[in-house]
């Protein structure tokens, strides 16, 4: 079952307050812990192949979707987005003096290394997209 189908099923069940439909489909619910008790994830995105997902709060965490295992953590915050080919992850970062996330870091997921840092925004970054 895809993440979209699970989300749709859960939403439908909640709208109609019918928990029996969840039991019939048996979706697996995992509680991911990694951002700490004070910080809740504010952005979550899945890789195009659904093998990974990334969550954003006080940092970015890359997770294995099948096992729920944390793969790597990066300094940064939301928004966070996978490239359409799943090779890269982009997210907002701040410079050493600013309290706002005004830069975009591009990570090569194969190596885990930063391949680009885009600077120049004068205000907080609210959204990311690949074309």
N, C-alpha and C. Protein backbone atom coordinates (compact mmCIF):
# COMPACT_ATOMS: atom_id res chain seq x y z
N UNK A 1 0.85 -1.16 0.00
CA UNK A 1 0.00 0.00 0.00
C UNK A 1 0.90 1.23 0.00
N UNK A 2 0.63 2.19 -0.88
CA UNK A 2 1.47 3.39 -0.98
C UNK A 2 1.15 4.36 0.15
N UNK A 3 2.05 5.32 0.35
CA UNK A 3 1.85 6.31 1.41
C UNK A 3 0.61 7.14 1.14
N UNK A 4 0.32 7.41 -0.13
CA UNK A 4 -0.87 8.18 -0.47
C UNK A 4 -2.13 7.40 -0.15
N UNK A 5 -2.11 6.12 -0.46
CA UNK A 5 -3.27 5.28 -0.16
C UNK A 5 -3.49 5.16 1.34
N UNK A 6 -2.42 5.01 2.10
CA UNK A 6 -2.53 4.92 3.56
C UNK A 6 -3.07 6.22 4.14
N UNK A 7 -2.52 7.35 3.68
CA UNK A 7 -2.98 8.64 4.18
C UNK A 7 -4.45 8.86 3.85
N UNK A 8 -4.85 8.49 2.65
CA UNK A 8 -6.25 8.62 2.24
C UNK A 8 -7.16 7.73 3.07
N UNK A 9 -6.72 6.49 3.32
CA UNK A 9 -7.50 5.56 4.12
C UNK A 9 -7.67 6.07 5.55
N UNK A 10 -6.58 6.53 6.15
CA UNK A 10 -6.64 7.03 7.52
C UNK A 10 -7.55 8.25 7.59
N UNK A 11 -7.42 9.17 6.63
CA UNK A 11 -8.26 10.35 6.61
C UNK A 11 -9.73 9.98 6.46
N UNK A 12 -10.03 9.05 5.56
CA UNK A 12 -11.41 8.60 5.37
C UNK A 12 -11.96 7.99 6.65
N UNK A 13 -11.17 7.17 7.30
CA UNK A 13 -11.62 6.52 8.54
C UNK A 13 -11.85 7.54 9.64
N UNK A 14 -11.00 8.56 9.71
CA UNK A 14 -11.15 9.57 10.74
C UNK A 14 -12.36 10.45 10.48
N UNK A 15 -12.61 10.77 9.21
CA UNK A 15 -13.77 11.60 8.88
C UNK A 15 -15.06 10.92 9.29
N UNK A 16 -15.13 9.63 9.02
CA UNK A 16 -16.35 8.89 9.33
C UNK A 16 -16.29 8.21 10.69
N UNK A 17 -15.21 8.47 11.46
CA UNK A 17 -15.04 7.91 12.80
C UNK A 17 -15.22 6.39 12.82
N UNK A 18 -14.65 5.74 11.82
CA UNK A 18 -14.80 4.30 11.68
C UNK A 18 -13.42 3.66 11.81
N UNK A 19 -13.11 3.13 12.99
CA UNK A 19 -11.80 2.53 13.19
C UNK A 19 -11.73 1.11 12.65
N UNK A 20 -12.88 0.49 12.36
CA UNK A 20 -12.88 -0.87 11.82
C UNK A 20 -12.23 -0.92 10.44
N UNK A 21 -12.34 0.14 9.67
CA UNK A 21 -11.74 0.13 8.34
C UNK A 21 -10.22 0.11 8.44
N UNK A 22 -9.66 0.70 9.48
CA UNK A 22 -8.22 0.64 9.67
C UNK A 22 -7.77 -0.77 10.00
N UNK A 23 -8.54 -1.47 10.82
CA UNK A 23 -8.19 -2.84 11.19
C UNK A 23 -8.20 -3.75 9.97
N UNK A 24 -9.14 -3.53 9.06
CA UNK A 24 -9.26 -4.38 7.87
C UNK A 24 -8.05 -4.22 6.96
N UNK A 25 -7.52 -3.01 6.84
CA UNK A 25 -6.38 -2.77 5.95
C UNK A 25 -5.05 -3.03 6.65
N UNK A 26 -5.03 -2.99 7.95
CA UNK A 26 -3.85 -3.20 8.78
C UNK A 26 -2.65 -2.34 8.38
N UNK A 27 -2.84 -1.02 8.27
CA UNK A 27 -1.67 -0.18 8.02
C UNK A 27 -0.77 -0.20 9.25
N UNK A 28 0.52 -0.05 9.04
CA UNK A 28 1.46 -0.05 10.15
C UNK A 28 1.76 1.39 10.55
N UNK A 29 1.63 1.66 11.81
CA UNK A 29 1.91 2.98 12.33
C UNK A 29 3.21 2.92 13.12
N UNK A 30 4.14 3.80 12.78
CA UNK A 30 5.41 3.87 13.50
C UNK A 30 5.55 5.25 14.10
N UNK A 31 6.03 5.29 15.30
CA UNK A 31 6.35 6.57 15.94
C UNK A 31 7.85 6.77 15.78
N UNK A 32 8.22 7.78 15.02
CA UNK A 32 9.63 8.08 14.79
C UNK A 32 10.12 9.04 15.87
N UNK A 33 11.17 8.68 16.54
CA UNK A 33 11.77 9.56 17.55
C UNK A 33 13.15 9.95 17.04
N UNK A 34 13.42 11.23 17.07
CA UNK A 34 14.72 11.66 16.59
C UNK A 34 14.92 13.16 16.68
N UNK A 35 13.83 13.90 16.77
CA UNK A 35 13.96 15.35 16.85
C UNK A 35 13.94 15.85 18.29
N UNK A 36 13.80 14.97 19.24
CA UNK A 36 13.77 15.37 20.64
C UNK A 36 12.36 15.59 21.14
N UNK A 37 12.22 15.76 22.42
CA UNK A 37 10.90 15.90 23.02
C UNK A 37 10.29 17.26 22.78
N UNK A 38 11.09 18.30 22.67
CA UNK A 38 10.57 19.65 22.52
C UNK A 38 10.19 19.95 21.08
N UNK A 39 10.90 19.36 20.14
CA UNK A 39 10.70 19.70 18.73
C UNK A 39 9.91 18.62 18.01
N UNK A 40 8.80 19.00 17.42
CA UNK A 40 8.02 18.08 16.60
C UNK A 40 8.38 18.34 15.15
N UNK A 41 8.34 17.30 14.34
CA UNK A 41 8.61 17.47 12.91
C UNK A 41 7.55 18.40 12.32
N UNK A 42 8.01 19.37 11.56
CA UNK A 42 7.09 20.34 10.95
C UNK A 42 6.97 20.13 9.44
N UNK A 43 7.81 19.28 8.89
CA UNK A 43 7.75 18.98 7.45
C UNK A 43 8.26 17.57 7.24
N UNK A 44 7.55 16.80 6.43
CA UNK A 44 7.95 15.44 6.10
C UNK A 44 7.77 15.25 4.61
N UNK A 45 8.76 14.64 3.97
CA UNK A 45 8.67 14.37 2.54
C UNK A 45 9.21 12.98 2.25
N UNK A 46 8.58 12.29 1.30
CA UNK A 46 9.01 10.95 0.90
C UNK A 46 9.80 11.03 -0.39
N UNK A 47 10.78 10.12 -0.53
CA UNK A 47 11.53 10.02 -1.78
C UNK A 47 10.58 9.50 -2.85
N UNK A 48 10.88 9.76 -4.13
CA UNK A 48 9.99 9.32 -5.21
C UNK A 48 9.75 7.80 -5.23
N UNK A 49 10.72 7.01 -4.78
CA UNK A 49 10.55 5.55 -4.76
C UNK A 49 9.98 5.04 -3.44
N UNK A 50 9.64 5.95 -2.52
CA UNK A 50 9.07 5.62 -1.21
C UNK A 50 10.00 4.81 -0.31
N UNK A 51 11.29 4.74 -0.63
CA UNK A 51 12.23 3.98 0.20
C UNK A 51 12.73 4.80 1.39
N UNK A 52 12.68 6.11 1.28
CA UNK A 52 13.19 6.99 2.31
C UNK A 52 12.18 8.09 2.58
N UNK A 53 12.30 8.69 3.75
CA UNK A 53 11.61 9.94 3.99
C UNK A 53 12.50 10.82 4.84
N UNK A 54 12.25 12.12 4.75
CA UNK A 54 13.02 13.09 5.52
C UNK A 54 12.05 13.91 6.35
N UNK A 55 12.44 14.17 7.58
CA UNK A 55 11.63 15.00 8.46
C UNK A 55 12.45 16.20 8.88
N UNK A 56 11.74 17.30 9.11
CA UNK A 56 12.42 18.55 9.46
C UNK A 56 11.84 19.11 10.75
N UNK A 57 12.72 19.55 11.62
CA UNK A 57 12.36 20.28 12.84
C UNK A 57 13.54 21.18 13.15
N UNK A 58 14.24 20.90 14.25
CA UNK A 58 15.46 21.67 14.55
C UNK A 58 16.62 21.16 13.72
N UNK A 59 16.43 20.03 13.04
CA UNK A 59 17.40 19.44 12.12
C UNK A 59 16.65 18.62 11.08
N UNK A 60 17.37 18.11 10.11
CA UNK A 60 16.80 17.26 9.08
C UNK A 60 17.25 15.83 9.37
N UNK A 61 16.30 14.90 9.38
CA UNK A 61 16.67 13.50 9.57
C UNK A 61 16.20 12.71 8.36
N UNK A 62 17.11 11.92 7.80
CA UNK A 62 16.81 11.02 6.71
C UNK A 62 16.54 9.65 7.31
N UNK A 63 15.40 9.04 6.95
CA UNK A 63 14.96 7.78 7.52
C UNK A 63 14.81 6.71 6.44
N UNK A 64 15.03 5.47 6.81
CA UNK A 64 14.70 4.32 5.97
C UNK A 64 13.22 4.04 6.20
N UNK A 65 12.40 4.15 5.16
CA UNK A 65 10.96 4.00 5.32
C UNK A 65 10.54 2.59 5.68
N UNK A 66 11.28 1.59 5.24
CA UNK A 66 10.90 0.20 5.51
C UNK A 66 11.19 -0.20 6.95
N UNK A 67 12.32 0.26 7.49
CA UNK A 67 12.72 -0.16 8.83
C UNK A 67 12.46 0.89 9.90
N UNK A 68 12.29 2.15 9.49
CA UNK A 68 12.14 3.24 10.45
C UNK A 68 13.45 3.66 11.07
N UNK A 69 14.55 3.16 10.55
CA UNK A 69 15.88 3.46 11.08
C UNK A 69 16.36 4.82 10.58
N UNK A 70 16.94 5.59 11.52
CA UNK A 70 17.54 6.87 11.15
C UNK A 70 18.82 6.60 10.39
N UNK A 71 18.95 7.20 9.21
CA UNK A 71 20.13 7.00 8.37
C UNK A 71 21.16 8.09 8.62
N UNK A 72 20.72 9.35 8.60
CA UNK A 72 21.66 10.46 8.75
C UNK A 72 20.89 11.69 9.21
N UNK A 73 21.60 12.56 9.89
CA UNK A 73 21.02 13.81 10.35
C UNK A 73 21.84 14.97 9.80
N UNK A 74 21.16 16.05 9.43
CA UNK A 74 21.82 17.23 8.88
C UNK A 74 21.36 18.46 9.65
N UNK A 75 22.22 19.47 9.77
CA UNK A 75 21.80 20.75 10.33
C UNK A 75 20.96 21.46 9.29
N UNK A 76 19.78 21.87 9.68
CA UNK A 76 18.88 22.57 8.78
C UNK A 76 17.47 22.51 9.30
N UNK A 77 16.54 23.03 8.50
CA UNK A 77 15.14 23.04 8.92
C UNK A 77 14.25 23.00 7.69
N UNK A 78 12.95 23.11 7.95
CA UNK A 78 11.99 23.08 6.86
C UNK A 78 12.07 24.36 6.05
N UNK A 79 11.69 24.28 4.79
CA UNK A 79 11.14 23.15 4.05
C UNK A 79 12.24 22.16 3.65
N UNK A 80 11.80 20.93 3.36
CA UNK A 80 12.70 19.88 2.91
C UNK A 80 12.05 19.18 1.72
N UNK A 81 12.86 18.83 0.71
CA UNK A 81 12.30 18.25 -0.51
C UNK A 81 13.32 17.33 -1.19
N UNK A 82 12.85 16.17 -1.66
CA UNK A 82 13.66 15.28 -2.50
C UNK A 82 13.57 15.73 -3.95
N UNK A 83 14.66 15.53 -4.70
CA UNK A 83 14.61 15.77 -6.14
C UNK A 83 13.73 14.70 -6.78
N UNK A 84 13.25 14.96 -7.97
CA UNK A 84 12.33 14.02 -8.64
C UNK A 84 12.99 12.68 -8.97
N UNK A 85 14.32 12.65 -9.09
CA UNK A 85 15.01 11.38 -9.33
C UNK A 85 15.46 10.71 -8.03
N UNK A 86 15.23 11.37 -6.89
CA UNK A 86 15.57 10.81 -5.59
C UNK A 86 17.05 10.84 -5.23
N UNK A 87 17.86 11.51 -6.04
CA UNK A 87 19.31 11.54 -5.80
C UNK A 87 19.74 12.65 -4.84
N UNK A 88 18.89 13.65 -4.69
CA UNK A 88 19.28 14.83 -3.92
C UNK A 88 18.20 15.19 -2.90
N UNK A 89 18.65 15.87 -1.86
CA UNK A 89 17.75 16.39 -0.84
C UNK A 89 18.10 17.86 -0.63
N UNK A 90 17.09 18.71 -0.66
CA UNK A 90 17.30 20.14 -0.44
C UNK A 90 16.54 20.56 0.81
N UNK A 91 17.13 21.48 1.56
CA UNK A 91 16.46 21.99 2.75
C UNK A 91 17.04 23.35 3.12
N UNK A 92 16.32 24.05 3.98
CA UNK A 92 16.74 25.38 4.40
C UNK A 92 17.79 25.30 5.49
N UNK A 93 18.75 26.22 5.43
CA UNK A 93 19.78 26.34 6.47
C UNK A 93 19.98 27.83 6.77
N UNK A 94 20.58 28.10 7.91
CA UNK A 94 20.88 29.49 8.24
C UNK A 94 22.38 29.70 8.28
N UNK A 95 22.79 30.96 8.09
CA UNK A 95 24.21 31.25 8.18
C UNK A 95 24.60 31.41 9.65
N UNK A 96 25.84 31.73 9.90
CA UNK A 96 26.36 31.77 11.27
C UNK A 96 25.83 32.94 12.09
N UNK A 97 25.30 33.98 11.45
CA UNK A 97 24.84 35.14 12.22
C UNK A 97 23.33 35.33 12.21
N UNK A 98 22.65 34.74 11.28
CA UNK A 98 21.21 34.93 11.16
C UNK A 98 20.43 33.93 12.01
N UNK A 99 19.25 34.33 12.43
CA UNK A 99 18.36 33.40 13.11
C UNK A 99 17.32 32.84 12.13
N UNK A 100 17.32 33.34 10.91
CA UNK A 100 16.38 32.89 9.89
C UNK A 100 17.06 31.90 8.95
N UNK A 101 16.28 30.99 8.42
CA UNK A 101 16.77 30.02 7.45
C UNK A 101 16.64 30.63 6.05
N UNK A 102 17.74 31.24 5.59
CA UNK A 102 17.72 32.01 4.34
C UNK A 102 18.57 31.39 3.23
N UNK A 103 19.16 30.24 3.47
CA UNK A 103 19.98 29.56 2.46
C UNK A 103 19.35 28.20 2.15
N UNK A 104 19.74 27.62 1.03
CA UNK A 104 19.28 26.29 0.65
C UNK A 104 20.50 25.39 0.46
N UNK A 105 20.51 24.27 1.16
CA UNK A 105 21.60 23.30 1.05
C UNK A 105 21.10 22.14 0.18
N UNK A 106 21.93 21.73 -0.77
CA UNK A 106 21.62 20.60 -1.64
C UNK A 106 22.59 19.47 -1.31
N UNK A 107 22.05 18.33 -0.91
CA UNK A 107 22.83 17.17 -0.47
C UNK A 107 22.76 16.07 -1.52
N UNK A 108 23.89 15.47 -1.83
CA UNK A 108 23.94 14.26 -2.66
C UNK A 108 23.66 13.10 -1.71
N UNK A 109 22.55 12.41 -1.89
CA UNK A 109 22.17 11.35 -0.95
C UNK A 109 23.07 10.12 -1.05
N UNK A 110 23.73 9.93 -2.16
CA UNK A 110 24.65 8.79 -2.30
C UNK A 110 25.88 8.97 -1.40
N UNK A 111 26.40 10.20 -1.36
CA UNK A 111 27.61 10.47 -0.58
C UNK A 111 27.32 11.14 0.77
N UNK A 112 26.15 11.77 0.89
CA UNK A 112 25.82 12.51 2.10
C UNK A 112 26.49 13.87 2.17
N UNK A 113 27.15 14.27 1.10
CA UNK A 113 27.91 15.52 1.07
C UNK A 113 27.10 16.67 0.47
N UNK A 114 27.39 17.87 0.93
CA UNK A 114 26.80 19.07 0.35
C UNK A 114 27.41 19.29 -1.02
N UNK A 115 26.56 19.44 -2.03
CA UNK A 115 27.09 19.73 -3.37
C UNK A 115 26.82 21.17 -3.79
N UNK A 116 25.91 21.85 -3.07
CA UNK A 116 25.66 23.26 -3.37
C UNK A 116 25.04 23.93 -2.16
N UNK A 117 25.35 25.20 -2.00
CA UNK A 117 24.73 26.02 -0.97
C UNK A 117 24.28 27.30 -1.67
N UNK A 118 22.98 27.48 -1.75
CA UNK A 118 22.41 28.62 -2.45
C UNK A 118 22.12 29.73 -1.45
N UNK A 119 22.78 30.88 -1.66
CA UNK A 119 22.63 32.03 -0.76
C UNK A 119 21.97 33.16 -1.53
N UNK A 120 21.45 34.12 -0.79
CA UNK A 120 20.93 35.30 -1.46
C UNK A 120 19.53 35.69 -1.02
N UNK A 121 18.80 34.78 -0.41
CA UNK A 121 17.48 35.16 0.09
C UNK A 121 17.65 36.13 1.26
N UNK A 122 16.79 37.11 1.32
CA UNK A 122 16.86 38.09 2.41
C UNK A 122 15.79 37.84 3.47
N UNK A 123 14.96 36.85 3.24
CA UNK A 123 13.92 36.51 4.19
C UNK A 123 13.86 35.00 4.31
N UNK A 124 13.08 34.50 5.24
CA UNK A 124 12.97 33.07 5.50
C UNK A 124 12.44 32.33 4.26
N UNK A 125 12.96 31.15 4.02
CA UNK A 125 12.51 30.32 2.91
C UNK A 125 11.31 29.49 3.38
N UNK A 126 10.21 29.60 2.65
CA UNK A 126 8.97 28.92 3.05
C UNK A 126 8.65 27.69 2.23
N UNK A 127 9.24 27.56 1.03
CA UNK A 127 8.90 26.44 0.16
C UNK A 127 10.08 26.12 -0.75
N UNK A 128 10.16 24.86 -1.17
CA UNK A 128 11.18 24.41 -2.12
C UNK A 128 10.50 23.56 -3.18
N UNK A 129 11.09 23.57 -4.37
CA UNK A 129 10.59 22.74 -5.45
C UNK A 129 11.72 22.46 -6.43
N UNK A 130 11.70 21.26 -7.00
CA UNK A 130 12.63 20.91 -8.06
C UNK A 130 11.88 20.97 -9.39
N UNK A 131 12.59 21.33 -10.46
CA UNK A 131 11.95 21.30 -11.77
C UNK A 131 12.70 20.37 -12.70
